[in-house]
Amino acid sequence: MEETAKIWMNGELVDWADATVHVGVHGLHYGTGVFEGIRAYETPKGPAVFRLAEHMQRLHDSAKLLYMELPYTVEELRSATHELVRANGLPAAYIRPIAFFGYGSLGVHTRGNPVETVIMSWPWGAYLGEDALAKGITAKISSWKRVGPNVIPHVSKATGIYLNSMLATTEAQRAGYDEGILLTDNGFVADGPGENIFVVKNGRILTPPLSTSILPGITRDAIVQIAQDLGYVVEEADLIRADLMLADEVFMTGTAAEVTPVRAVDDVEIGVGDVTLEIQKTYLDVVNGRSEQWSHWLDVVETVAAPA
């Protein structure tokens, strides 16, 4: 992680090195936090954050499912993000808002613990490697199953839930693959550790439904809309691991992963297909400000703060 000048913490900008908390914070011990992953892109109009308000609304929704009340509104968090992007002076950045129960009681309950709210930003390139967008990645079906919807609210982007993801991606990389793919207890395809999954078969695009305990991805939603506007039929469908191996194309989506082809699953070669590359190109044109069709998704940051 490349350090930047400032981090927004509980309503003010602080120096990177000073954004610290006590080791007794509740969120560290019990995973009681929520977070987002957001990208700002360098565009002809300046730094632009992709679907910023939607991300901050999902942060609020995630917090609600953990009985956590955020002390800042969606608009306040949006303004704070603009302030941070300006302060760090980056034309493009990865942005990480996080809120967690802080220092107080260390019982399992959270009563009386303050909610700490932080936004970080730093440069971050291709999450799955510089060659991944063009050449694709290899994936392994994980032995770890996706957490069930009535075990932990997987609709919430909660910090503790990502232990499930960490185990899957670590297992895959230790075995020599780039990424893992998680199944549900019923054997249906869920998602990657930090990505949603799409399958292309006979010209149709399929993706697992929310009932498979997947996060309702904001990039996933954008890709569905883009693909439909490009003329493709997109359907939610229960998929099994064989559907991945017999697919014409497979790709993963997410803020960090963007649109990444999966060229092989469990050593079964799939390759990188034209549909994936078309959607990928269109998406990258959108987020980099080269397309007007979805320009409303870009929240342009004024590089000079507006007068009070």
C-alpha atoms as a PDB file:
ATOM      1  CA  MET A   1       0.000   0.000   0.000  1.00  0.00           C
ATOM      2  CA  GLU A   2       1.398   3.358  -1.032  1.00  0.00           C
ATOM      3  CA  GLU A   3       1.036   5.968   1.693  1.00  0.00           C
ATOM      4  CA  THR A   4      -0.684   9.227   0.844  1.00  0.00           C
ATOM      5  CA  ALA A   5      -0.754  12.521   2.721  1.00  0.00           C
ATOM      6  CA  LYS A   6      -4.124  12.427   4.476  1.00  0.00           C
ATOM      7  CA  ILE A   7      -6.827  10.129   5.829  1.00  0.00           C
ATOM      8  CA  TRP A   8     -10.312  11.384   6.712  1.00  0.00           C
ATOM      9  CA  MET A   9     -11.089  10.194  10.240  1.00  0.00           C
ATOM     10  CA  ASN A  10     -14.176  11.009  12.275  1.00  0.00           C
ATOM     11  CA  GLY A  11     -14.843  14.295  10.531  1.00  0.00           C
ATOM     12  CA  GLU A  12     -11.366  15.668   9.936  1.00  0.00           C
ATOM     13  CA  LEU A  13      -8.296  15.139   7.782  1.00  0.00           C
ATOM     14  CA  VAL A  14      -5.331  13.707   9.684  1.00  0.00           C
ATOM     15  CA  ASP A  15      -1.843  12.758   8.601  1.00  0.00           C
ATOM     16  CA  TRP A  16      -1.534   9.192   7.329  1.00  0.00           C
ATOM     17  CA  ALA A  17       0.697   8.118  10.235  1.00  0.00           C
ATOM     18  CA  ASP A  18      -1.644   9.625  12.819  1.00  0.00           C
ATOM     19  CA  ALA A  19      -4.776   7.704  11.761  1.00  0.00           C
ATOM     20  CA  THR A  20      -4.554   5.194  14.607  1.00  0.00           C
ATOM     21  CA  VAL A  21      -6.854   3.422  17.068  1.00  0.00           C
ATOM     22  CA  HIS A  22      -6.403   1.494  20.321  1.00  0.00           C
ATOM     23  CA  VAL A  23      -5.717  -2.257  20.106  1.00  0.00           C
ATOM     24  CA  GLY A  24      -8.816  -2.782  22.220  1.00  0.00           C
ATOM     25  CA  VAL A  25     -11.283  -1.606  19.576  1.00  0.00           C
ATOM     26  CA  HIS A  26     -14.273  -3.901  19.297  1.00  0.00           C
ATOM     27  CA  GLY A  27     -13.995  -4.190  15.518  1.00  0.00           C
ATOM     28  CA  LEU A  28     -10.490  -5.664  15.739  1.00  0.00           C
ATOM     29  CA  HIS A  29     -11.562  -8.386  18.163  1.00  0.00           C
ATOM     30  CA  TYR A  30     -14.919  -9.351  16.670  1.00  0.00           C
ATOM     31  CA  GLY A  31     -14.985  -8.146  13.068  1.00  0.00           C
ATOM     32  CA  THR A  32     -17.749  -5.641  13.825  1.00  0.00           C
ATOM     33  CA  GLY A  33     -17.190  -3.248  10.978  1.00  0.00           C
ATOM     34  CA  VAL A  34     -18.434  -2.411   7.505  1.00  0.00           C
ATOM     35  CA  PHE A  35     -16.527  -1.071   4.541  1.00  0.00           C
ATOM     36  CA  GLU A  36     -16.620  -0.181   0.869  1.00  0.00           C
ATOM     37  CA  GLY A  37     -14.240  -0.365  -2.056  1.00  0.00           C
ATOM     38  CA  ILE A  38     -14.540   2.560  -4.487  1.00  0.00           C
ATOM     39  CA  ARG A  39     -12.415   3.825  -7.354  1.00  0.00           C
ATOM     40  CA  ALA A  40     -11.743   7.337  -8.554  1.00  0.00           C
ATOM     41  CA  TYR A  41     -10.603   7.509 -12.166  1.00  0.00           C
ATOM     42  CA  GLU A  42      -8.639  10.092 -14.080  1.00  0.00           C
ATOM     43  CA  THR A  43     -11.054  11.577 -16.615  1.00  0.00           C
ATOM     44  CA  PRO A  44     -11.003  14.572 -18.983  1.00  0.00           C
ATOM     45  CA  LYS A  45     -13.083  16.458 -16.400  1.00  0.00           C
ATOM     46  CA  GLY A  46     -10.739  15.608 -13.528  1.00  0.00           C
ATOM     47  CA  PRO A  47     -10.821  12.880 -10.850  1.00  0.00           C
ATOM     48  CA  ALA A  48     -14.221  11.160 -10.922  1.00  0.00           C
ATOM     49  CA  VAL A  49     -15.515   8.661  -8.373  1.00  0.00           C
ATOM     50  CA  PHE A  50     -17.562   5.795  -9.765  1.00  0.00           C
ATOM     51  CA  ARG A  51     -21.064   5.584  -8.245  1.00  0.00           C
ATOM     52  CA  LEU A  52     -19.965   7.249  -5.031  1.00  0.00           C
ATOM     53  CA  ALA A  53     -23.422   7.888  -3.574  1.00  0.00           C
ATOM     54  CA  GLU A  54     -24.485   4.285  -4.213  1.00  0.00           C
ATOM     55  CA  HIS A  55     -21.408   3.003  -2.415  1.00  0.00           C
ATOM     56  CA  MET A  56     -22.030   5.215   0.592  1.00  0.00           C
ATOM     57  CA  GLN A  57     -25.677   4.154   0.675  1.00  0.00           C
ATOM     58  CA  ARG A  58     -24.552   0.516   0.712  1.00  0.00           C
ATOM     59  CA  LEU A  59     -22.214   1.367   3.596  1.00  0.00           C
ATOM     60  CA  HIS A  60     -25.253   2.631   5.498  1.00  0.00           C
ATOM     61  CA  ASP A  61     -27.261  -0.462   4.565  1.00  0.00           C
ATOM     62  CA  SER A  62     -24.422  -2.717   5.690  1.00  0.00           C
ATOM     63  CA  ALA A  63     -24.210  -0.885   8.998  1.00  0.00           C
ATOM     64  CA  LYS A  64     -27.950  -1.220   9.579  1.00  0.00           C
ATOM     65  CA  LEU A  65     -27.680  -5.001   9.280  1.00  0.00           C
ATOM     66  CA  LEU A  66     -25.048  -4.947  12.040  1.00  0.00           C
ATOM     67  CA  TYR A  67     -27.227  -2.763  14.317  1.00  0.00           C
ATOM     68  CA  MET A  68     -24.717   0.045  13.748  1.00  0.00           C
ATOM     69  CA  GLU A  69     -25.782   3.668  13.326  1.00  0.00           C
ATOM     70  CA  LEU A  70     -23.318   5.667  11.250  1.00  0.00           C
ATOM     71  CA  PRO A  71     -22.741   9.204  12.572  1.00  0.00           C
ATOM     72  CA  TYR A  72     -22.526  10.660   9.052  1.00  0.00           C
ATOM     73  CA  THR A  73     -25.110  10.843   6.277  1.00  0.00           C
ATOM     74  CA  VAL A  74     -24.536   9.599   2.755  1.00  0.00           C
ATOM     75  CA  GLU A  75     -24.092  13.186   1.569  1.00  0.00           C
ATOM     76  CA  GLU A  76     -21.632  13.966   4.367  1.00  0.00           C
ATOM     77  CA  LEU A  77     -19.570  10.902   3.447  1.00  0.00           C
ATOM     78  CA  ARG A  78     -19.701  11.911  -0.210  1.00  0.00           C
ATOM     79  CA  SER A  79     -18.418  15.390   0.635  1.00  0.00           C
ATOM     80  CA  ALA A  80     -15.716  13.905   2.854  1.00  0.00           C
ATOM     81  CA  THR A  81     -14.551  11.731  -0.039  1.00  0.00           C
ATOM     82  CA  HIS A  82     -14.280  14.769  -2.299  1.00  0.00           C
ATOM     83  CA  GLU A  83     -12.306  16.564   0.415  1.00  0.00           C
ATOM     84  CA  LEU A  84      -9.917  13.619   0.773  1.00  0.00           C
ATOM     85  CA  VAL A  85      -9.365  13.215  -2.975  1.00  0.00           C
ATOM     86  CA  ARG A  86      -8.518  16.905  -3.229  1.00  0.00           C
ATOM     87  CA  ALA A  87      -6.193  16.760  -0.225  1.00  0.00           C
ATOM     88  CA  ASN A  88      -4.205  13.831  -1.572  1.00  0.00           C
ATOM     89  CA  GLY A  89      -4.016  15.272  -5.074  1.00  0.00           C
ATOM     90  CA  LEU A  90      -4.300  11.937  -6.868  1.00  0.00           C
ATOM     91  CA  PRO A  91      -5.789  11.901 -10.381  1.00  0.00           C
ATOM     92  CA  ALA A  92      -6.917   8.305  -9.767  1.00  0.00           C
ATOM     93  CA  ALA A  93      -7.218   6.366  -6.524  1.00  0.00           C
ATOM     94  CA  TYR A  94      -8.715   3.451  -4.669  1.00  0.00           C
ATOM     95  CA  ILE A  95     -10.968   4.683  -1.860  1.00  0.00           C
ATOM     96  CA  ARG A  96     -11.705   2.689   1.293  1.00  0.00           C
ATOM     97  CA  PRO A  97     -14.434   3.927   3.640  1.00  0.00           C
ATOM     98  CA  ILE A  98     -14.680   1.858   6.804  1.00  0.00           C
ATOM     99  CA  ALA A  99     -16.778   2.153   9.959  1.00  0.00           C
ATOM    100  CA  PHE A 100     -16.334  -0.028  13.021  1.00  0.00           C
ATOM    101  CA  PHE A 101     -17.181  -0.250  16.687  1.00  0.00           C
ATOM    102  CA  GLY A 102     -14.348   1.347  18.595  1.00  0.00           C
ATOM    103  CA  TYR A 103     -12.773   1.284  22.030  1.00  0.00           C
ATOM    104  CA  GLY A 104     -15.042   0.666  24.995  1.00  0.00           C
ATOM    105  CA  SER A 105     -16.435  -2.609  26.237  1.00  0.00           C
ATOM    106  CA  LEU A 106     -14.886  -5.849  24.998  1.00  0.00           C
ATOM    107  CA  GLY A 107     -17.954  -7.934  25.589  1.00  0.00           C
ATOM    108  CA  VAL A 108     -19.488  -9.437  22.473  1.00  0.00           C
ATOM    109  CA  HIS A 109     -22.281  -6.871  22.651  1.00  0.00           C
ATOM    110  CA  THR A 110     -21.562  -3.436  21.175  1.00  0.00           C
ATOM    111  CA  ARG A 111     -23.531  -1.278  23.616  1.00  0.00           C
ATOM    112  CA  GLY A 112     -21.665   1.879  24.519  1.00  0.00           C
ATOM    113  CA  ASN A 113     -18.885   1.470  21.968  1.00  0.00           C
ATOM    114  CA  PRO A 114     -18.388   4.475  19.668  1.00  0.00           C
ATOM    115  CA  VAL A 115     -18.587   4.101  15.897  1.00  0.00           C
ATOM    116  CA  GLU A 116     -15.325   5.124  14.244  1.00  0.00           C
ATOM    117  CA  THR A 117     -15.656   6.317  10.630  1.00  0.00           C
ATOM    118  CA  VAL A 118     -12.642   6.517   8.334  1.00  0.00           C
ATOM    119  CA  ILE A 119     -11.963   7.070   4.620  1.00  0.00           C
ATOM    120  CA  MET A 120      -8.596   6.206   3.071  1.00  0.00           C
ATOM    121  CA  SER A 121      -7.338   6.719  -0.487  1.00  0.00           C
ATOM    122  CA  TRP A 122      -4.210   5.552  -2.249  1.00  0.00           C
ATOM    123  CA  PRO A 123      -2.993   4.529  -5.717  1.00  0.00           C
ATOM    124  CA  TRP A 124      -3.898   0.936  -6.582  1.00  0.00           C
ATOM    125  CA  GLY A 125      -3.531  -0.661  -9.979  1.00  0.00           C
ATOM    126  CA  ALA A 126      -5.061  -3.878 -11.284  1.00  0.00           C
ATOM    127  CA  TYR A 127      -6.147  -5.947  -8.278  1.00  0.00           C
ATOM    128  CA  LEU A 128      -5.482  -9.336  -9.883  1.00  0.00           C
ATOM    129  CA  GLY A 129      -2.316  -8.309 -11.704  1.00  0.00           C
ATOM    130  CA  GLU A 130      -1.416  -6.036 -14.585  1.00  0.00           C
ATOM    131  CA  ASP A 131      -1.897  -8.765 -17.213  1.00  0.00           C
ATOM    132  CA  ALA A 132      -5.203 -10.008 -15.798  1.00  0.00           C
ATOM    133  CA  LEU A 133      -7.487  -7.657 -17.743  1.00  0.00           C
ATOM    134  CA  ALA A 134      -6.076  -8.771 -21.091  1.00  0.00           C
ATOM    135  CA  LYS A 135      -4.953 -12.357 -20.527  1.00  0.00           C
ATOM    136  CA  GLY A 136      -7.382 -13.467 -17.829  1.00  0.00           C
ATOM    137  CA  ILE A 137      -6.792 -15.330 -14.575  1.00  0.00           C
ATOM    138  CA  THR A 138      -6.910 -18.902 -13.335  1.00  0.00           C
ATOM    139  CA  ALA A 139      -9.407 -19.865 -10.658  1.00  0.00           C
ATOM    140  CA  LYS A 140      -9.867 -22.786  -8.282  1.00  0.00           C
ATOM    141  CA  ILE A 141     -13.135 -24.012  -6.814  1.00  0.00           C
ATOM    142  CA  SER A 142     -12.563 -23.535  -3.105  1.00  0.00           C
ATOM    143  CA  SER A 143     -13.065 -26.189  -0.465  1.00  0.00           C
ATOM    144  CA  TRP A 144     -14.439 -23.384   1.697  1.00  0.00           C
ATOM    145  CA  LYS A 145     -18.168 -22.765   1.168  1.00  0.00           C
ATOM    146  CA  ARG A 146     -19.788 -19.339   0.960  1.00  0.00           C
ATOM    147  CA  VAL A 147     -21.330 -18.287   4.267  1.00  0.00           C
ATOM    148  CA  GLY A 148     -25.101 -18.871   4.219  1.00  0.00           C
ATOM    149  CA  PRO A 149     -27.546 -15.922   4.192  1.00  0.00           C
ATOM    150  CA  ASN A 150     -29.000 -16.866   7.579  1.00  0.00           C
ATOM    151  CA  VAL A 151     -25.598 -17.380   9.199  1.00  0.00           C
ATOM    152  CA  ILE A 152     -24.237 -13.861   8.594  1.00  0.00           C
ATOM    153  CA  PRO A 153     -25.986 -11.182   6.509  1.00  0.00           C
ATOM    154  CA  HIS A 154     -23.851 -11.442   3.403  1.00  0.00           C
ATOM    155  CA  VAL A 155     -25.759  -8.547   1.840  1.00  0.00           C
ATOM    156  CA  SER A 156     -23.759  -6.515   4.344  1.00  0.00           C
ATOM    157  CA  LYS A 157     -20.189  -5.733   3.312  1.00  0.00           C
ATOM    158  CA  ALA A 158     -19.013  -6.487   6.830  1.00  0.00           C
ATOM    159  CA  THR A 159     -15.389  -6.901   7.813  1.00  0.00           C
ATOM    160  CA  GLY A 160     -15.872 -10.166   9.711  1.00  0.00           C
ATOM    161  CA  ILE A 161     -17.499 -11.869   6.727  1.00  0.00           C
ATOM    162  CA  TYR A 162     -14.293 -11.496   4.738  1.00  0.00           C
ATOM    163  CA  LEU A 163     -12.566 -14.179   6.797  1.00  0.00           C
ATOM    164  CA  ASN A 164     -14.523 -16.526   4.521  1.00  0.00           C
ATOM    165  CA  SER A 165     -13.035 -14.755   1.507  1.00  0.00           C
ATOM    166  CA  MET A 166      -9.508 -14.672   2.915  1.00  0.00           C
ATOM    167  CA  LEU A 167      -9.497 -18.442   3.392  1.00  0.00           C
ATOM    168  CA  ALA A 168     -10.693 -19.064  -0.157  1.00  0.00           C
ATOM    169  CA  THR A 169      -8.233 -16.748  -1.892  1.00  0.00           C
ATOM    170  CA  THR A 170      -5.317 -17.907   0.261  1.00  0.00           C
ATOM    171  CA  GLU A 171      -6.109 -21.538  -0.473  1.00  0.00           C
ATOM    172  CA  ALA A 172      -6.274 -20.812  -4.211  1.00  0.00           C
ATOM    173  CA  GLN A 173      -3.008 -18.889  -4.321  1.00  0.00           C
ATOM    174  CA  ARG A 174      -1.166 -21.469  -2.226  1.00  0.00           C
ATOM    175  CA  ALA A 175      -2.258 -24.028  -4.826  1.00  0.00           C
ATOM    176  CA  GLY A 176      -0.887 -21.898  -7.669  1.00  0.00           C
ATOM    177  CA  TYR A 177      -4.095 -20.235  -8.903  1.00  0.00           C
ATOM    178  CA  ASP A 178      -4.848 -16.533  -9.116  1.00  0.00           C
ATOM    179  CA  GLU A 179      -8.210 -16.576  -7.357  1.00  0.00           C
ATOM    180  CA  GLY A 180     -10.810 -18.794  -5.709  1.00  0.00           C
ATOM    181  CA  ILE A 181     -14.468 -19.399  -6.475  1.00  0.00           C
ATOM    182  CA  LEU A 182     -16.866 -20.224  -3.655  1.00  0.00           C
ATOM    183  CA  LEU A 183     -19.890 -22.517  -3.831  1.00  0.00           C
ATOM    184  CA  THR A 184     -22.903 -22.580  -1.542  1.00  0.00           C
ATOM    185  CA  ASP A 185     -23.665 -25.496   0.746  1.00  0.00           C
ATOM    186  CA  ASN A 186     -26.076 -26.699  -1.968  1.00  0.00           C
ATOM    187  CA  GLY A 187     -23.303 -26.728  -4.552  1.00  0.00           C
ATOM    188  CA  PHE A 188     -24.337 -23.639  -6.493  1.00  0.00           C
ATOM    189  CA  VAL A 189     -21.788 -21.101  -7.668  1.00  0.00           C
ATOM    190  CA  ALA A 190     -21.766 -18.042  -5.399  1.00  0.00           C
ATOM    191  CA  ASP A 191     -18.913 -15.660  -6.164  1.00  0.00           C
ATOM    192  CA  GLY A 192     -15.215 -15.005  -5.857  1.00  0.00           C
ATOM    193  CA  PRO A 193     -13.633 -13.855  -2.591  1.00  0.00           C
ATOM    194  CA  GLY A 194     -14.011 -10.244  -3.681  1.00  0.00           C
ATOM    195  CA  GLU A 195     -15.792 -10.439  -7.024  1.00  0.00           C
ATOM    196  CA  ASN A 196     -19.108 -11.319  -8.615  1.00  0.00           C
ATOM    197  CA  ILE A 197     -19.158 -13.942 -11.383  1.00  0.00           C
ATOM    198  CA  PHE A 198     -20.673 -13.959 -14.872  1.00  0.00           C
ATOM    199  CA  VAL A 199     -20.893 -16.838 -17.351  1.00  0.00           C
ATOM    200  CA  VAL A 200     -21.368 -16.463 -21.104  1.00  0.00           C
ATOM    201  CA  LYS A 201     -23.092 -19.417 -22.797  1.00  0.00           C
ATOM    202  CA  ASN A 202     -24.605 -19.490 -26.288  1.00  0.00           C
ATOM    203  CA  GLY A 203     -24.707 -15.710 -26.432  1.00  0.00           C
ATOM    204  CA  ARG A 204     -26.537 -15.336 -23.095  1.00  0.00           C
ATOM    205  CA  ILE A 205     -24.965 -13.933 -19.941  1.00  0.00           C
ATOM    206  CA  LEU A 206     -25.769 -15.639 -16.651  1.00  0.00           C
ATOM    207  CA  THR A 207     -24.932 -14.604 -13.104  1.00  0.00           C
ATOM    208  CA  PRO A 208     -25.809 -16.141  -9.704  1.00  0.00           C
ATOM    209  CA  PRO A 209     -28.809 -14.660  -7.871  1.00  0.00           C
ATOM    210  CA  LEU A 210     -28.596 -12.844  -4.540  1.00  0.00           C
ATOM    211  CA  SER A 211     -30.019 -15.953  -2.844  1.00  0.00           C
ATOM    212  CA  THR A 212     -26.584 -17.582  -3.187  1.00  0.00           C
ATOM    213  CA  SER A 213     -25.335 -15.242  -0.418  1.00  0.00           C
ATOM    214  CA  ILE A 214     -23.493 -12.904  -2.743  1.00  0.00           C
ATOM    215  CA  LEU A 215     -22.904  -9.229  -2.141  1.00  0.00           C
ATOM    216  CA  PRO A 216     -25.184  -7.077  -4.329  1.00  0.00           C
ATOM    217  CA  GLY A 217     -22.253  -5.685  -6.253  1.00  0.00           C
ATOM    218  CA  ILE A 218     -22.445  -2.126  -7.541  1.00  0.00           C
ATOM    219  CA  THR A 219     -20.095  -3.026 -10.381  1.00  0.00           C
ATOM    220  CA  ARG A 220     -22.227  -6.147 -10.973  1.00  0.00           C
ATOM    221  CA  ASP A 221     -25.278  -3.925 -11.376  1.00  0.00           C
ATOM    222  CA  ALA A 222     -23.410  -1.645 -13.778  1.00  0.00           C
ATOM    223  CA  ILE A 223     -22.270  -4.603 -15.889  1.00  0.00           C
ATOM    224  CA  VAL A 224     -25.829  -5.944 -16.116  1.00  0.00           C
ATOM    225  CA  GLN A 225     -27.019  -2.571 -17.407  1.00  0.00           C
ATOM    226  CA  ILE A 226     -24.107  -2.171 -19.808  1.00  0.00           C
ATOM    227  CA  ALA A 227     -24.516  -5.705 -21.206  1.00  0.00           C
ATOM    228  CA  GLN A 228     -28.246  -5.214 -21.723  1.00  0.00           C
ATOM    229  CA  ASP A 229     -27.656  -1.911 -23.497  1.00  0.00           C
ATOM    230  CA  LEU A 230     -25.134  -3.682 -25.728  1.00  0.00           C
ATOM    231  CA  GLY A 231     -27.920  -6.086 -26.727  1.00  0.00           C
ATOM    232  CA  TYR A 232     -27.143  -9.114 -24.581  1.00  0.00           C
ATOM    233  CA  VAL A 233     -29.702 -11.122 -22.630  1.00  0.00           C
ATOM    234  CA  VAL A 234     -28.650 -11.159 -18.967  1.00  0.00           C
ATOM    235  CA  GLU A 235     -30.305 -13.567 -16.533  1.00  0.00           C
ATOM    236  CA  GLU A 236     -29.867 -14.539 -12.917  1.00  0.00           C
ATOM    237  CA  ALA A 237     -29.589 -18.334 -12.694  1.00  0.00           C
ATOM    238  CA  ASP A 238     -28.407 -21.032 -10.327  1.00  0.00           C
ATOM    239  CA  LEU A 239     -25.105 -22.318 -11.700  1.00  0.00           C
ATOM    240  CA  ILE A 240     -23.106 -25.403 -10.766  1.00  0.00           C
ATOM    241  CA  ARG A 241     -19.349 -25.872 -11.125  1.00  0.00           C
ATOM    242  CA  ALA A 242     -19.808 -27.745 -14.405  1.00  0.00           C
ATOM    243  CA  ASP A 243     -21.439 -24.613 -15.854  1.00  0.00           C
ATOM    244  CA  LEU A 244     -18.163 -22.789 -15.277  1.00  0.00           C
ATOM    245  CA  MET A 245     -16.074 -25.456 -16.985  1.00  0.00           C
ATOM    246  CA  LEU A 246     -18.446 -25.738 -19.968  1.00  0.00           C
ATOM    247  CA  ALA A 247     -18.942 -22.001 -20.366  1.00  0.00           C
ATOM    248  CA  ASP A 248     -17.974 -20.160 -23.515  1.00  0.00           C
ATOM    249  CA  GLU A 249     -16.590 -17.384 -21.303  1.00  0.00           C
ATOM    250  CA  VAL A 250     -16.340 -16.570 -17.596  1.00  0.00           C
ATOM    251  CA  PHE A 251     -15.516 -13.209 -16.084  1.00  0.00           C
ATOM    252  CA  MET A 252     -15.408 -11.584 -12.657  1.00  0.00           C
ATOM    253  CA  THR A 253     -16.432  -8.062 -11.721  1.00  0.00           C
ATOM    254  CA  GLY A 254     -15.814  -5.747  -8.806  1.00  0.00           C
ATOM    255  CA  THR A 255     -14.461  -2.343  -7.899  1.00  0.00           C
ATOM    256  CA  ALA A 256     -10.928  -3.673  -7.535  1.00  0.00           C
ATOM    257  CA  ALA A 257     -11.130  -6.380 -10.225  1.00  0.00           C
ATOM    258  CA  GLU A 258     -13.126  -4.203 -12.669  1.00  0.00           C
ATOM    259  CA  VAL A 259     -13.945  -6.706 -15.480  1.00  0.00           C
ATOM    260  CA  THR A 260     -11.445  -9.567 -15.347  1.00  0.00           C
ATOM    261  CA  PRO A 261     -11.664 -12.613 -17.655  1.00  0.00           C
ATOM    262  CA  VAL A 262     -11.299 -16.056 -16.095  1.00  0.00           C
ATOM    263  CA  ARG A 263      -9.325 -18.081 -18.616  1.00  0.00           C
ATOM    264  CA  ALA A 264      -9.340 -21.386 -16.692  1.00  0.00           C
ATOM    265  CA  VAL A 265     -11.280 -23.016 -13.851  1.00  0.00           C
ATOM    266  CA  ASP A 266      -9.733 -25.991 -12.054  1.00  0.00           C
ATOM    267  CA  ASP A 267      -7.232 -26.395 -14.924  1.00  0.00           C
ATOM    268  CA  VAL A 268     -10.021 -26.551 -17.520  1.00  0.00           C
ATOM    269  CA  GLU A 269      -9.118 -24.002 -20.182  1.00  0.00           C
ATOM    270  CA  ILE A 270     -11.871 -21.581 -21.180  1.00  0.00           C
ATOM    271  CA  GLY A 271      -9.928 -18.749 -22.748  1.00  0.00           C
ATOM    272  CA  VAL A 272     -10.718 -15.063 -23.041  1.00  0.00           C
ATOM    273  CA  GLY A 273     -13.751 -14.315 -25.208  1.00  0.00           C
ATOM    274  CA  ASP A 274     -15.047 -11.458 -27.331  1.00  0.00           C
ATOM    275  CA  VAL A 275     -18.143 -10.815 -25.189  1.00  0.00           C
ATOM    276  CA  THR A 276     -16.033 -10.322 -22.070  1.00  0.00           C
ATOM    277  CA  LEU A 277     -13.620  -8.012 -23.868  1.00  0.00           C
ATOM    278  CA  GLU A 278     -16.462  -5.945 -25.353  1.00  0.00           C
ATOM    279  CA  ILE A 279     -18.074  -5.468 -21.954  1.00  0.00           C
ATOM    280  CA  GLN A 280     -14.704  -4.779 -20.367  1.00  0.00           C
ATOM    281  CA  LYS A 281     -13.851  -2.112 -22.949  1.00  0.00           C
ATOM    282  CA  THR A 282     -17.226  -0.447 -22.569  1.00  0.00           C
ATOM    283  CA  TYR A 283     -16.940  -0.447 -18.778  1.00  0.00           C
ATOM    284  CA  LEU A 284     -13.436   1.037 -18.854  1.00  0.00           C
ATOM    285  CA  ASP A 285     -14.609   3.681 -21.313  1.00  0.00           C
ATOM    286  CA  VAL A 286     -17.403   4.579 -18.906  1.00  0.00           C
ATOM    287  CA  VAL A 287     -15.308   4.843 -15.741  1.00  0.00           C
ATOM    288  CA  ASN A 288     -12.554   6.764 -17.489  1.00  0.00           C
ATOM    289  CA  GLY A 289     -15.000   9.338 -18.826  1.00  0.00           C
ATOM    290  CA  ARG A 290     -14.809   8.313 -22.468  1.00  0.00           C
ATOM    291  CA  SER A 291     -18.544   7.538 -22.781  1.00  0.00           C
ATOM    292  CA  GLU A 292     -21.471   9.881 -22.262  1.00  0.00           C
ATOM    293  CA  GLN A 293     -24.084   7.140 -22.065  1.00  0.00           C
ATOM    294  CA  TRP A 294     -23.457   6.354 -18.397  1.00  0.00           C
ATOM    295  CA  SER A 295     -21.725   9.595 -17.416  1.00  0.00           C
ATOM    296  CA  HIS A 296     -24.192  10.038 -14.542  1.00  0.00           C
ATOM    297  CA  TRP A 297     -22.299   7.270 -12.720  1.00  0.00           C
ATOM    298  CA  LEU A 298     -19.237   9.517 -12.419  1.00  0.00           C
ATOM    299  CA  ASP A 299     -19.041  11.922  -9.492  1.00  0.00           C
ATOM    300  CA  VAL A 300     -16.451  14.473 -10.621  1.00  0.00           C
ATOM    301  CA  VAL A 301     -14.318  15.979  -7.845  1.00  0.00           C
ATOM    302  CA  GLU A 302     -13.661  19.689  -8.111  1.00  0.00           C
ATOM    303  CA  THR A 303      -9.906  19.998  -7.682  1.00  0.00           C
ATOM    304  CA  VAL A 304     -10.344  23.376  -6.000  1.00  0.00           C
ATOM    305  CA  ALA A 305     -12.763  23.444  -3.082  1.00  0.00           C
ATOM    306  CA  ALA A 306     -15.894  25.499  -3.678  1.00  0.00           C
ATOM    307  CA  PRO A 307     -16.104  28.714  -1.586  1.00  0.00           C
ATOM    308  CA  ALA A 308     -18.094  28.412   1.610  1.00  0.00           C
END
